[in-house]
Amino acid sequence: MALDVSMPILIVDDYATMIRIIRNLLKQVGFTNVDDAADGTQALERIGKKKYDLIISDWNMEPMTGYELLKQVRASSETARTPFIMVTAESKTENVIAAKKAGVNNYIVKPFNAQTLKGKIDAVFGE
């Protein structure tokens, strides 16, 4: 089954430049239906109003981290199965383990390119 490049994707990052970078990388690999949120709290508001087929979130954000967002997404029956990719600048083993335990689908360490992102998305959707 081919990946639906029109699926709604939510990027969550408190750094506007990173949102722009991820949005451009997604566009390079064909994804066009992309929204963004500046932090976990704003992301939860967006998720409450629209169903997303993929969430790509930074780990380090204030006031709600990507890890806390992941736990809230997994705690809701409506979003528990939504694919979630965590993005971070650090590849700390304990963070990877914590994210896996909380139900993250995949993990990307910055910096990354369009092919890395596409590979992670393909892996999440079993392509």
C-alpha atoms as a PDB file:
ATOM      1  CA  MET A   1       0.000   0.000   0.000  1.00  0.00           C
ATOM      2  CA  ALA A   2       1.419   3.379  -0.987  1.00  0.00           C
ATOM      3  CA  LEU A   3       1.775   6.021   1.677  1.00  0.00           C
ATOM      4  CA  ASP A   4      -0.919   8.726   1.456  1.00  0.00           C
ATOM      5  CA  VAL A   5       1.044  11.946   0.890  1.00  0.00           C
ATOM      6  CA  SER A   6      -2.117  13.982   1.536  1.00  0.00           C
ATOM      7  CA  MET A   7      -2.500  12.633   5.081  1.00  0.00           C
ATOM      8  CA  PRO A   8      -2.664  15.343   7.769  1.00  0.00           C
ATOM      9  CA  ILE A   9       0.620  15.732   9.668  1.00  0.00           C
ATOM     10  CA  LEU A  10       1.254  17.842  12.784  1.00  0.00           C
ATOM     11  CA  ILE A  11       4.746  19.217  13.476  1.00  0.00           C
ATOM     12  CA  VAL A  12       5.320  20.300  17.079  1.00  0.00           C
ATOM     13  CA  ASP A  13       8.396  22.404  17.873  1.00  0.00           C
ATOM     14  CA  ASP A  14       8.977  25.574  19.865  1.00  0.00           C
ATOM     15  CA  TYR A  15      11.607  26.703  17.366  1.00  0.00           C
ATOM     16  CA  ALA A  16       9.996  28.282  14.275  1.00  0.00           C
ATOM     17  CA  THR A  17      13.065  27.620  12.121  1.00  0.00           C
ATOM     18  CA  MET A  18      12.887  23.881  12.906  1.00  0.00           C
ATOM     19  CA  ILE A  19       9.181  23.809  11.985  1.00  0.00           C
ATOM     20  CA  ARG A  20      10.076  25.429   8.653  1.00  0.00           C
ATOM     21  CA  ILE A  21      12.912  22.925   8.070  1.00  0.00           C
ATOM     22  CA  ILE A  22      10.719  19.876   8.813  1.00  0.00           C
ATOM     23  CA  ARG A  23       7.868  21.317   6.720  1.00  0.00           C
ATOM     24  CA  ASN A  24      10.287  21.764   3.776  1.00  0.00           C
ATOM     25  CA  LEU A  25      11.697  18.241   4.210  1.00  0.00           C
ATOM     26  CA  LEU A  26       8.151  16.824   4.223  1.00  0.00           C
ATOM     27  CA  LYS A  27       7.368  18.816   1.082  1.00  0.00           C
ATOM     28  CA  GLN A  28      10.528  17.420  -0.595  1.00  0.00           C
ATOM     29  CA  VAL A  29       9.223  13.877  -0.092  1.00  0.00           C
ATOM     30  CA  GLY A  30       5.691  14.769  -1.203  1.00  0.00           C
ATOM     31  CA  PHE A  31       3.705  15.594   1.949  1.00  0.00           C
ATOM     32  CA  THR A  32       1.575  18.725   1.649  1.00  0.00           C
ATOM     33  CA  ASN A  33      -1.097  18.609   4.393  1.00  0.00           C
ATOM     34  CA  VAL A  34       1.049  19.898   7.267  1.00  0.00           C
ATOM     35  CA  ASP A  35       0.029  21.905  10.343  1.00  0.00           C
ATOM     36  CA  ASP A  36       2.247  23.033  13.182  1.00  0.00           C
ATOM     37  CA  ALA A  37       2.134  23.864  16.867  1.00  0.00           C
ATOM     38  CA  ALA A  38       4.651  25.798  18.973  1.00  0.00           C
ATOM     39  CA  ASP A  39       4.431  23.504  22.008  1.00  0.00           C
ATOM     40  CA  GLY A  40       2.680  20.477  23.456  1.00  0.00           C
ATOM     41  CA  THR A  41      -0.238  22.473  24.857  1.00  0.00           C
ATOM     42  CA  GLN A  42      -0.971  24.053  21.471  1.00  0.00           C
ATOM     43  CA  ALA A  43      -0.540  20.635  19.838  1.00  0.00           C
ATOM     44  CA  LEU A  44      -3.197  19.110  22.119  1.00  0.00           C
ATOM     45  CA  GLU A  45      -5.592  21.919  21.127  1.00  0.00           C
ATOM     46  CA  ARG A  46      -4.970  21.192  17.425  1.00  0.00           C
ATOM     47  CA  ILE A  47      -5.322  17.422  17.972  1.00  0.00           C
ATOM     48  CA  GLY A  48      -8.651  18.061  19.712  1.00  0.00           C
ATOM     49  CA  LYS A  49      -9.980  19.853  16.624  1.00  0.00           C
ATOM     50  CA  LYS A  50      -8.498  17.725  13.818  1.00  0.00           C
ATOM     51  CA  LYS A  51      -7.477  14.113  13.340  1.00  0.00           C
ATOM     52  CA  TYR A  52      -3.812  13.742  12.391  1.00  0.00           C
ATOM     53  CA  ASP A  53      -2.344  10.634  10.771  1.00  0.00           C
ATOM     54  CA  LEU A  54       1.167  11.490  12.005  1.00  0.00           C
ATOM     55  CA  ILE A  55       2.647  13.657  14.749  1.00  0.00           C
ATOM     56  CA  ILE A  56       6.289  14.749  14.517  1.00  0.00           C
ATOM     57  CA  SER A  57       7.338  16.391  17.772  1.00  0.00           C
ATOM     58  CA  ASP A  58      10.480  17.868  19.240  1.00  0.00           C
ATOM     59  CA  TRP A  59      11.481  16.473  22.652  1.00  0.00           C
ATOM     60  CA  ASN A  60      12.730  19.692  24.298  1.00  0.00           C
ATOM     61  CA  MET A  61       9.943  22.265  24.554  1.00  0.00           C
ATOM     62  CA  GLU A  62       8.401  24.504  27.181  1.00  0.00           C
ATOM     63  CA  PRO A  63       5.965  24.459  28.912  1.00  0.00           C
ATOM     64  CA  MET A  64       5.022  20.927  27.771  1.00  0.00           C
ATOM     65  CA  THR A  65       7.777  18.680  26.438  1.00  0.00           C
ATOM     66  CA  GLY A  66       7.379  16.320  23.498  1.00  0.00           C
ATOM     67  CA  TYR A  67       7.656  13.434  25.951  1.00  0.00           C
ATOM     68  CA  GLU A  68       4.722  14.785  27.997  1.00  0.00           C
ATOM     69  CA  LEU A  69       2.784  15.352  24.767  1.00  0.00           C
ATOM     70  CA  LEU A  70       3.465  11.756  23.707  1.00  0.00           C
ATOM     71  CA  LYS A  71       2.162  10.444  27.046  1.00  0.00           C
ATOM     72  CA  GLN A  72      -1.029  12.542  26.724  1.00  0.00           C
ATOM     73  CA  VAL A  73      -1.570  11.443  23.103  1.00  0.00           C
ATOM     74  CA  ARG A  74      -1.160   7.787  24.136  1.00  0.00           C
ATOM     75  CA  ALA A  75      -3.494   8.254  27.143  1.00  0.00           C
ATOM     76  CA  SER A  76      -6.450   9.330  24.965  1.00  0.00           C
ATOM     77  CA  SER A  77      -8.476   6.572  23.326  1.00  0.00           C
ATOM     78  CA  GLU A  78      -9.001   8.813  20.275  1.00  0.00           C
ATOM     79  CA  THR A  79      -5.283   9.367  19.632  1.00  0.00           C
ATOM     80  CA  ALA A  80      -3.641   6.366  21.316  1.00  0.00           C
ATOM     81  CA  ARG A  81      -2.795   4.741  17.966  1.00  0.00           C
ATOM     82  CA  THR A  82      -1.698   7.915  16.127  1.00  0.00           C
ATOM     83  CA  PRO A  83       1.832   7.414  14.761  1.00  0.00           C
ATOM     84  CA  PHE A  84       4.283   9.605  16.680  1.00  0.00           C
ATOM     85  CA  ILE A  85       7.880  10.419  15.700  1.00  0.00           C
ATOM     86  CA  MET A  86      10.085  12.142  18.289  1.00  0.00           C
ATOM     87  CA  VAL A  87      12.778  14.564  17.137  1.00  0.00           C
ATOM     88  CA  THR A  88      15.681  15.485  19.383  1.00  0.00           C
ATOM     89  CA  ALA A  89      19.162  16.962  19.307  1.00  0.00           C
ATOM     90  CA  GLU A  90      20.350  14.429  21.874  1.00  0.00           C
ATOM     91  CA  SER A  91      20.621  10.691  21.401  1.00  0.00           C
ATOM     92  CA  LYS A  92      20.627   9.907  25.127  1.00  0.00           C
ATOM     93  CA  THR A  93      19.893   6.232  25.621  1.00  0.00           C
ATOM     94  CA  GLU A  94      17.603   6.911  28.593  1.00  0.00           C
ATOM     95  CA  ASN A  95      15.502   9.316  26.489  1.00  0.00           C
ATOM     96  CA  VAL A  96      15.156   6.752  23.701  1.00  0.00           C
ATOM     97  CA  ILE A  97      14.140   4.085  26.232  1.00  0.00           C
ATOM     98  CA  ALA A  98      11.663   6.430  27.967  1.00  0.00           C
ATOM     99  CA  ALA A  99      10.110   7.423  24.633  1.00  0.00           C
ATOM    100  CA  LYS A 100       9.840   3.765  23.549  1.00  0.00           C
ATOM    101  CA  LYS A 101       8.165   2.855  26.848  1.00  0.00           C
ATOM    102  CA  ALA A 102       5.734   5.756  26.390  1.00  0.00           C
ATOM    103  CA  GLY A 103       4.813   4.406  22.948  1.00  0.00           C
ATOM    104  CA  VAL A 104       6.794   6.451  20.428  1.00  0.00           C
ATOM    105  CA  ASN A 105       6.809   4.893  16.944  1.00  0.00           C
ATOM    106  CA  ASN A 106      10.173   6.238  15.846  1.00  0.00           C
ATOM    107  CA  TYR A 107      12.967   8.587  16.819  1.00  0.00           C
ATOM    108  CA  ILE A 108      15.048  11.042  14.747  1.00  0.00           C
ATOM    109  CA  VAL A 109      18.229  12.718  15.955  1.00  0.00           C
ATOM    110  CA  LYS A 110      18.970  16.201  14.560  1.00  0.00           C
ATOM    111  CA  PRO A 111      20.338  17.089  12.107  1.00  0.00           C
ATOM    112  CA  PHE A 112      18.591  14.944   9.512  1.00  0.00           C
ATOM    113  CA  ASN A 113      17.709  15.163   5.827  1.00  0.00           C
ATOM    114  CA  ALA A 114      14.618  14.427   3.731  1.00  0.00           C
ATOM    115  CA  GLN A 115      15.660  10.813   3.055  1.00  0.00           C
ATOM    116  CA  THR A 116      16.167  10.098   6.772  1.00  0.00           C
ATOM    117  CA  LEU A 117      12.758  11.590   7.541  1.00  0.00           C
ATOM    118  CA  LYS A 118      11.117   9.622   4.717  1.00  0.00           C
ATOM    119  CA  GLY A 119      12.812   6.431   5.957  1.00  0.00           C
ATOM    120  CA  LYS A 120      11.473   6.987   9.481  1.00  0.00           C
ATOM    121  CA  ILE A 121       7.948   7.677   8.170  1.00  0.00           C
ATOM    122  CA  ASP A 122       8.108   4.608   5.911  1.00  0.00           C
ATOM    123  CA  ALA A 123       9.236   2.485   8.880  1.00  0.00           C
ATOM    124  CA  VAL A 124       6.331   3.762  11.006  1.00  0.00           C
ATOM    125  CA  PHE A 125       3.792   2.946   8.299  1.00  0.00           C
ATOM    126  CA  GLY A 126       5.410  -0.365   7.402  1.00  0.00           C
ATOM    127  CA  GLU A 127       6.421   0.626   3.872  1.00  0.00           C
END
